[in-house]
Amino acid sequence: MNPWISVKECRPPENEEVETKIDDQRGIRNVTTLKLHNNLWWFPDMSMYIYYCPTHWRKLTSAAPKEPGTS
């Protein structure tokens, strides 16, 4: 799995869906995938931006393909 990167140290590529989280003195929360576009964090489908700024992000890893007949 890819390591978490601090948003303060390095921002993710524009318009690329990445996994994000808030990880601070209050703990880990808001783990989800988002896109950074024009300085705002958006849902991957670009339907709405969020009202918080993640502290960390990482590139998505491709899941192993499922075998037919498995769920």
PDB file of N, CA and C in Angstrom:
ATOM      1  N   MET A   1       0.838  -1.181   0.000  1.00  0.00           N
ATOM      2  CA  MET A   1       0.000   0.000   0.000  1.00  0.00           C
ATOM      3  C   MET A   1       0.886   1.247   0.000  1.00  0.00           C
ATOM      4  N   ASN A   2       0.435   2.282  -0.646  1.00  0.00           N
ATOM      5  CA  ASN A   2       1.213   3.514  -0.756  1.00  0.00           C
ATOM      6  C   ASN A   2       1.268   4.259   0.575  1.00  0.00           C
ATOM      7  N   PRO A   3       2.376   4.926   0.857  1.00  0.00           N
ATOM      8  CA  PRO A   3       2.488   5.682   2.115  1.00  0.00           C
ATOM      9  C   PRO A   3       1.680   6.979   2.062  1.00  0.00           C
ATOM     10  N   TRP A   4       1.232   7.444   3.214  1.00  0.00           N
ATOM     11  CA  TRP A   4       0.525   8.722   3.321  1.00  0.00           C
ATOM     12  C   TRP A   4       1.512   9.866   3.162  1.00  0.00           C
ATOM     13  N   ILE A   5       1.084  10.934   2.488  1.00  0.00           N
ATOM     14  CA  ILE A   5       1.910  12.116   2.248  1.00  0.00           C
ATOM     15  C   ILE A   5       1.207  13.308   2.873  1.00  0.00           C
ATOM     16  N   SER A   6       1.943  14.122   3.606  1.00  0.00           N
ATOM     17  CA  SER A   6       1.372  15.318   4.211  1.00  0.00           C
ATOM     18  C   SER A   6       1.045  16.343   3.125  1.00  0.00           C
ATOM     19  N   VAL A   7      -0.155  16.911   3.186  1.00  0.00           N
ATOM     20  CA  VAL A   7      -0.556  17.942   2.222  1.00  0.00           C
ATOM     21  C   VAL A   7       0.339  19.171   2.361  1.00  0.00           C
ATOM     22  N   LYS A   8       0.842  19.427   3.581  1.00  0.00           N
ATOM     23  CA  LYS A   8       1.743  20.567   3.797  1.00  0.00           C
ATOM     24  C   LYS A   8       3.065  20.381   3.056  1.00  0.00           C
ATOM     25  N   GLU A   9       3.512  19.138   2.922  1.00  0.00           N
ATOM     26  CA  GLU A   9       4.781  18.848   2.260  1.00  0.00           C
ATOM     27  C   GLU A   9       4.652  18.752   0.740  1.00  0.00           C
ATOM     28  N   CYS A  10       3.547  18.180   0.280  1.00  0.00           N
ATOM     29  CA  CYS A  10       3.373  17.945  -1.152  1.00  0.00           C
ATOM     30  C   CYS A  10       1.889  17.796  -1.457  1.00  0.00           C
ATOM     31  N   ARG A  11       1.423  18.561  -2.425  1.00  0.00           N
ATOM     32  CA  ARG A  11       0.024  18.461  -2.824  1.00  0.00           C
ATOM     33  C   ARG A  11      -0.125  17.404  -3.912  1.00  0.00           C
ATOM     34  N   PRO A  12      -1.270  16.756  -3.989  1.00  0.00           N
ATOM     35  CA  PRO A  12      -1.454  15.740  -5.034  1.00  0.00           C
ATOM     36  C   PRO A  12      -1.596  16.380  -6.411  1.00  0.00           C
ATOM     37  N   PRO A  13      -1.454  15.597  -7.454  1.00  0.00           N
ATOM     38  CA  PRO A  13      -1.649  16.126  -8.814  1.00  0.00           C
ATOM     39  C   PRO A  13      -3.085  16.629  -8.987  1.00  0.00           C
ATOM     40  N   GLU A  14      -3.236  17.727  -9.706  1.00  0.00           N
ATOM     41  CA  GLU A  14      -4.568  18.282  -9.993  1.00  0.00           C
ATOM     42  C   GLU A  14      -5.426  17.249 -10.721  1.00  0.00           C
ATOM     43  N   ASN A  15      -6.682  17.195 -10.339  1.00  0.00           N
ATOM     44  CA  ASN A  15      -7.706  16.381 -11.015  1.00  0.00           C
ATOM     45  C   ASN A  15      -7.453  14.881 -10.981  1.00  0.00           C
ATOM     46  N   GLU A  16      -6.602  14.420 -10.080  1.00  0.00           N
ATOM     47  CA  GLU A  16      -6.362  12.983  -9.931  1.00  0.00           C
ATOM     48  C   GLU A  16      -7.032  12.504  -8.654  1.00  0.00           C
ATOM     49  N   GLU A  17      -7.830  11.463  -8.748  1.00  0.00           N
ATOM     50  CA  GLU A  17      -8.492  10.916  -7.571  1.00  0.00           C
ATOM     51  C   GLU A  17      -7.446  10.262  -6.666  1.00  0.00           C
ATOM     52  N   VAL A  18      -7.429  10.673  -5.404  1.00  0.00           N
ATOM     53  CA  VAL A  18      -6.491  10.131  -4.419  1.00  0.00           C
ATOM     54  C   VAL A  18      -7.243   9.817  -3.134  1.00  0.00           C
ATOM     55  N   GLU A  19      -6.673   8.960  -2.321  1.00  0.00           N
ATOM     56  CA  GLU A  19      -7.238   8.676  -1.007  1.00  0.00           C
ATOM     57  C   GLU A  19      -6.784   9.779  -0.049  1.00  0.00           C
ATOM     58  N   THR A  20      -7.686  10.260   0.787  1.00  0.00           N
ATOM     59  CA  THR A  20      -7.365  11.353   1.701  1.00  0.00           C
ATOM     60  C   THR A  20      -7.831  11.021   3.113  1.00  0.00           C
ATOM     61  N   LYS A  21      -7.291  11.770   4.070  1.00  0.00           N
ATOM     62  CA  LYS A  21      -7.723  11.631   5.460  1.00  0.00           C
ATOM     63  C   LYS A  21      -7.333  12.882   6.236  1.00  0.00           C
ATOM     64  N   ILE A  22      -7.956  13.051   7.376  1.00  0.00           N
ATOM     65  CA  ILE A  22      -7.498  14.018   8.374  1.00  0.00           C
ATOM     66  C   ILE A  22      -6.857  13.190   9.475  1.00  0.00           C
ATOM     67  N   ASP A  23      -5.638  13.524   9.842  1.00  0.00           N
ATOM     68  CA  ASP A  23      -4.905  12.829  10.895  1.00  0.00           C
ATOM     69  C   ASP A  23      -4.214  13.893  11.737  1.00  0.00           C
ATOM     70  N   ASP A  24      -4.818  14.234  12.881  1.00  0.00           N
ATOM     71  CA  ASP A  24      -4.268  15.275  13.743  1.00  0.00           C
ATOM     72  C   ASP A  24      -4.415  14.871  15.209  1.00  0.00           C
ATOM     73  N   GLN A  25      -4.321  15.831  16.103  1.00  0.00           N
ATOM     74  CA  GLN A  25      -4.380  15.545  17.533  1.00  0.00           C
ATOM     75  C   GLN A  25      -5.713  14.911  17.944  1.00  0.00           C
ATOM     76  N   ARG A  26      -6.758  15.066  17.142  1.00  0.00           N
ATOM     77  CA  ARG A  26      -8.061  14.466  17.439  1.00  0.00           C
ATOM     78  C   ARG A  26      -8.209  13.073  16.847  1.00  0.00           C
ATOM     79  N   GLY A  27      -7.188  12.589  16.140  1.00  0.00           N
ATOM     80  CA  GLY A  27      -7.217  11.245  15.581  1.00  0.00           C
ATOM     81  C   GLY A  27      -7.413  11.229  14.075  1.00  0.00           C
ATOM     82  N   ILE A  28      -7.651  10.030  13.552  1.00  0.00           N
ATOM     83  CA  ILE A  28      -7.846   9.839  12.116  1.00  0.00           C
ATOM     84  C   ILE A  28      -9.346   9.846  11.830  1.00  0.00           C
ATOM     85  N   ARG A  29      -9.730  10.595  10.787  1.00  0.00           N
ATOM     86  CA  ARG A  29     -11.132  10.668  10.395  1.00  0.00           C
ATOM     87  C   ARG A  29     -11.241  11.129   8.945  1.00  0.00           C
ATOM     88  N   ASN A  30     -12.448  11.090   8.407  1.00  0.00           N
ATOM     89  CA  ASN A  30     -12.754  11.548   7.052  1.00  0.00           C
ATOM     90  C   ASN A  30     -11.875  10.859   5.998  1.00  0.00           C
ATOM     91  N   VAL A  31     -11.705   9.559   6.116  1.00  0.00           N
ATOM     92  CA  VAL A  31     -10.928   8.802   5.128  1.00  0.00           C
ATOM     93  C   VAL A  31     -11.831   8.554   3.924  1.00  0.00           C
ATOM     94  N   THR A  32     -11.449   9.084   2.774  1.00  0.00           N
ATOM     95  CA  THR A  32     -12.248   8.956   1.555  1.00  0.00           C
ATOM     96  C   THR A  32     -11.397   9.293   0.338  1.00  0.00           C
ATOM     97  N   THR A  33     -11.946   9.112  -0.855  1.00  0.00           N
ATOM     98  CA  THR A  33     -11.238   9.520  -2.064  1.00  0.00           C
ATOM     99  C   THR A  33     -11.783  10.861  -2.534  1.00  0.00           C
ATOM    100  N   LEU A  34     -10.878  11.737  -2.966  1.00  0.00           N
ATOM    101  CA  LEU A  34     -11.211  13.078  -3.418  1.00  0.00           C
ATOM    102  C   LEU A  34     -10.303  13.475  -4.567  1.00  0.00           C
ATOM    103  N   LYS A  35     -10.640  14.590  -5.221  1.00  0.00           N
ATOM    104  CA  LYS A  35      -9.789  15.197  -6.248  1.00  0.00           C
ATOM    105  C   LYS A  35      -9.507  16.638  -5.842  1.00  0.00           C
ATOM    106  N   LEU A  36      -8.291  17.095  -6.073  1.00  0.00           N
ATOM    107  CA  LEU A  36      -7.932  18.490  -5.857  1.00  0.00           C
ATOM    108  C   LEU A  36      -8.059  19.213  -7.199  1.00  0.00           C
ATOM    109  N   HIS A  37      -8.885  20.277  -7.209  1.00  0.00           N
ATOM    110  CA  HIS A  37      -9.101  21.033  -8.442  1.00  0.00           C
ATOM    111  C   HIS A  37      -9.261  22.507  -8.083  1.00  0.00           C
ATOM    112  N   ASN A  38      -8.416  23.356  -8.656  1.00  0.00           N
ATOM    113  CA  ASN A  38      -8.462  24.802  -8.396  1.00  0.00           C
ATOM    114  C   ASN A  38      -8.485  25.142  -6.908  1.00  0.00           C
ATOM    115  N   ASN A  39      -7.636  24.489  -6.165  1.00  0.00           N
ATOM    116  CA  ASN A  39      -7.441  24.746  -4.739  1.00  0.00           C
ATOM    117  C   ASN A  39      -8.598  24.285  -3.855  1.00  0.00           C
ATOM    118  N   LEU A  40      -9.540  23.520  -4.400  1.00  0.00           N
ATOM    119  CA  LEU A  40     -10.633  22.948  -3.616  1.00  0.00           C
ATOM    120  C   LEU A  40     -10.603  21.433  -3.754  1.00  0.00           C
ATOM    121  N   TRP A  41     -11.016  20.743  -2.700  1.00  0.00           N
ATOM    122  CA  TRP A  41     -11.128  19.290  -2.719  1.00  0.00           C
ATOM    123  C   TRP A  41     -12.548  18.922  -3.119  1.00  0.00           C
ATOM    124  N   TRP A  42     -12.680  18.052  -4.117  1.00  0.00           N
ATOM    125  CA  TRP A  42     -13.965  17.668  -4.691  1.00  0.00           C
ATOM    126  C   TRP A  42     -14.195  16.174  -4.552  1.00  0.00           C
ATOM    127  N   PHE A  43     -15.499  15.777  -4.539  1.00  0.00           N
ATOM    128  CA  PHE A  43     -15.834  14.366  -4.687  1.00  0.00           C
ATOM    129  C   PHE A  43     -15.320  13.915  -6.048  1.00  0.00           C
ATOM    130  N   PRO A  44     -14.986  12.633  -6.220  1.00  0.00           N
ATOM    131  CA  PRO A  44     -14.428  12.170  -7.498  1.00  0.00           C
ATOM    132  C   PRO A  44     -15.296  12.474  -8.714  1.00  0.00           C
ATOM    133  N   ASP A  45     -16.616  12.518  -8.557  1.00  0.00           N
ATOM    134  CA  ASP A  45     -17.478  12.819  -9.699  1.00  0.00           C
ATOM    135  C   ASP A  45     -17.661  14.321  -9.918  1.00  0.00           C
ATOM    136  N   MET A  46     -16.952  15.127  -9.128  1.00  0.00           N
ATOM    137  CA  MET A  46     -16.978  16.592  -9.232  1.00  0.00           C
ATOM    138  C   MET A  46     -18.362  17.179  -8.951  1.00  0.00           C
ATOM    139  N   SER A  47     -19.212  16.455  -8.227  1.00  0.00           N
ATOM    140  CA  SER A  47     -20.560  16.927  -7.939  1.00  0.00           C
ATOM    141  C   SER A  47     -20.582  17.995  -6.851  1.00  0.00           C
ATOM    142  N   MET A  48     -19.579  17.986  -5.952  1.00  0.00           N
ATOM    143  CA  MET A  48     -19.570  18.946  -4.858  1.00  0.00           C
ATOM    144  C   MET A  48     -18.174  18.999  -4.236  1.00  0.00           C
ATOM    145  N   TYR A  49     -17.786  20.192  -3.774  1.00  0.00           N
ATOM    146  CA  TYR A  49     -16.519  20.272  -3.053  1.00  0.00           C
ATOM    147  C   TYR A  49     -16.794  20.129  -1.569  1.00  0.00           C
ATOM    148  N   ILE A  50     -15.746  19.821  -0.824  1.00  0.00           N
ATOM    149  CA  ILE A  50     -15.894  19.592   0.614  1.00  0.00           C
ATOM    150  C   ILE A  50     -15.474  20.832   1.394  1.00  0.00           C
ATOM    151  N   TYR A  51     -15.936  20.915   2.625  1.00  0.00           N
ATOM    152  CA  TYR A  51     -15.712  22.093   3.457  1.00  0.00           C
ATOM    153  C   TYR A  51     -14.601  21.892   4.487  1.00  0.00           C
ATOM    154  N   TYR A  52     -13.682  20.982   4.206  1.00  0.00           N
ATOM    155  CA  TYR A  52     -12.529  20.790   5.075  1.00  0.00           C
ATOM    156  C   TYR A  52     -11.323  20.517   4.183  1.00  0.00           C
ATOM    157  N   CYS A  53     -10.162  20.598   4.757  1.00  0.00           N
ATOM    158  CA  CYS A  53      -8.948  20.305   3.996  1.00  0.00           C
ATOM    159  C   CYS A  53      -8.279  19.073   4.600  1.00  0.00           C
ATOM    160  N   PRO A  54      -8.112  18.016   3.825  1.00  0.00           N
ATOM    161  CA  PRO A  54      -7.406  16.837   4.346  1.00  0.00           C
ATOM    162  C   PRO A  54      -5.973  17.189   4.751  1.00  0.00           C
ATOM    163  N   THR A  55      -5.452  16.448   5.698  1.00  0.00           N
ATOM    164  CA  THR A  55      -4.064  16.658   6.115  1.00  0.00           C
ATOM    165  C   THR A  55      -3.105  15.743   5.370  1.00  0.00           C
ATOM    166  N   HIS A  56      -3.614  14.622   4.850  1.00  0.00           N
ATOM    167  CA  HIS A  56      -2.772  13.631   4.180  1.00  0.00           C
ATOM    168  C   HIS A  56      -3.476  13.070   2.958  1.00  0.00           C
ATOM    169  N   TRP A  57      -2.682  12.572   2.024  1.00  0.00           N
ATOM    170  CA  TRP A  57      -3.210  11.928   0.830  1.00  0.00           C
ATOM    171  C   TRP A  57      -2.238  10.840   0.385  1.00  0.00           C
ATOM    172  N   ARG A  58      -2.735   9.934  -0.460  1.00  0.00           N
ATOM    173  CA  ARG A  58      -1.877   8.926  -1.092  1.00  0.00           C
ATOM    174  C   ARG A  58      -2.531   8.467  -2.383  1.00  0.00           C
ATOM    175  N   LYS A  59      -1.696   8.004  -3.289  1.00  0.00           N
ATOM    176  CA  LYS A  59      -2.200   7.500  -4.577  1.00  0.00           C
ATOM    177  C   LYS A  59      -3.028   6.243  -4.323  1.00  0.00           C
ATOM    178  N   LEU A  60      -4.045   6.083  -5.150  1.00  0.00           N
ATOM    179  CA  LEU A  60      -4.875   4.881  -5.058  1.00  0.00           C
ATOM    180  C   LEU A  60      -4.098   3.689  -5.577  1.00  0.00           C
ATOM    181  N   THR A  61      -4.291   2.561  -4.948  1.00  0.00           N
ATOM    182  CA  THR A  61      -3.682   1.325  -5.441  1.00  0.00           C
ATOM    183  C   THR A  61      -4.755   0.570  -6.207  1.00  0.00           C
ATOM    184  N   SER A  62      -4.364  -0.045  -7.279  1.00  0.00           N
ATOM    185  CA  SER A  62      -5.344  -0.805  -8.053  1.00  0.00           C
ATOM    186  C   SER A  62      -5.617  -2.120  -7.336  1.00  0.00           C
ATOM    187  N   ALA A  63      -6.880  -2.421  -7.191  1.00  0.00           N
ATOM    188  CA  ALA A  63      -7.272  -3.660  -6.519  1.00  0.00           C
ATOM    189  C   ALA A  63      -7.027  -4.841  -7.450  1.00  0.00           C
ATOM    190  N   ALA A  64      -6.744  -5.968  -6.858  1.00  0.00           N
ATOM    191  CA  ALA A  64      -6.553  -7.175  -7.661  1.00  0.00           C
ATOM    192  C   ALA A  64      -7.879  -7.539  -8.321  1.00  0.00           C
ATOM    193  N   PRO A  65      -7.840  -7.958  -9.572  1.00  0.00           N
ATOM    194  CA  PRO A  65      -9.098  -8.313 -10.243  1.00  0.00           C
ATOM    195  C   PRO A  65      -9.776  -9.485  -9.548  1.00  0.00           C
ATOM    196  N   LYS A  66     -11.101  -9.419  -9.463  1.00  0.00           N
ATOM    197  CA  LYS A  66     -11.867 -10.497  -8.825  1.00  0.00           C
ATOM    198  C   LYS A  66     -12.059 -11.632  -9.809  1.00  0.00           C
ATOM    199  N   GLU A  67     -12.072 -12.831  -9.257  1.00  0.00           N
ATOM    200  CA  GLU A  67     -12.319 -14.005 -10.095  1.00  0.00           C
ATOM    201  C   GLU A  67     -13.818 -14.122 -10.345  1.00  0.00           C
ATOM    202  N   PRO A  68     -14.203 -14.606 -11.507  1.00  0.00           N
ATOM    203  CA  PRO A  68     -15.634 -14.769 -11.776  1.00  0.00           C
ATOM    204  C   PRO A  68     -16.304 -15.651 -10.730  1.00  0.00           C
ATOM    205  N   GLY A  69     -17.503 -15.249 -10.327  1.00  0.00           N
ATOM    206  CA  GLY A  69     -18.260 -16.035  -9.353  1.00  0.00           C
ATOM    207  C   GLY A  69     -17.950 -15.703  -7.914  1.00  0.00           C
ATOM    208  N   THR A  70     -17.045 -14.729  -7.665  1.00  0.00           N
ATOM    209  CA  THR A  70     -16.750 -14.313  -6.288  1.00  0.00           C
ATOM    210  C   THR A  70     -17.342 -12.937  -6.069  1.00  0.00           C
ATOM    211  N   SER A  71     -17.635 -12.634  -4.806  1.00  0.00           N
ATOM    212  CA  SER A  71     -18.189 -11.308  -4.512  1.00  0.00           C
ATOM    213  C   SER A  71     -17.259 -10.488  -3.669  1.00  0.00           C
TER     214      SER A  71
END
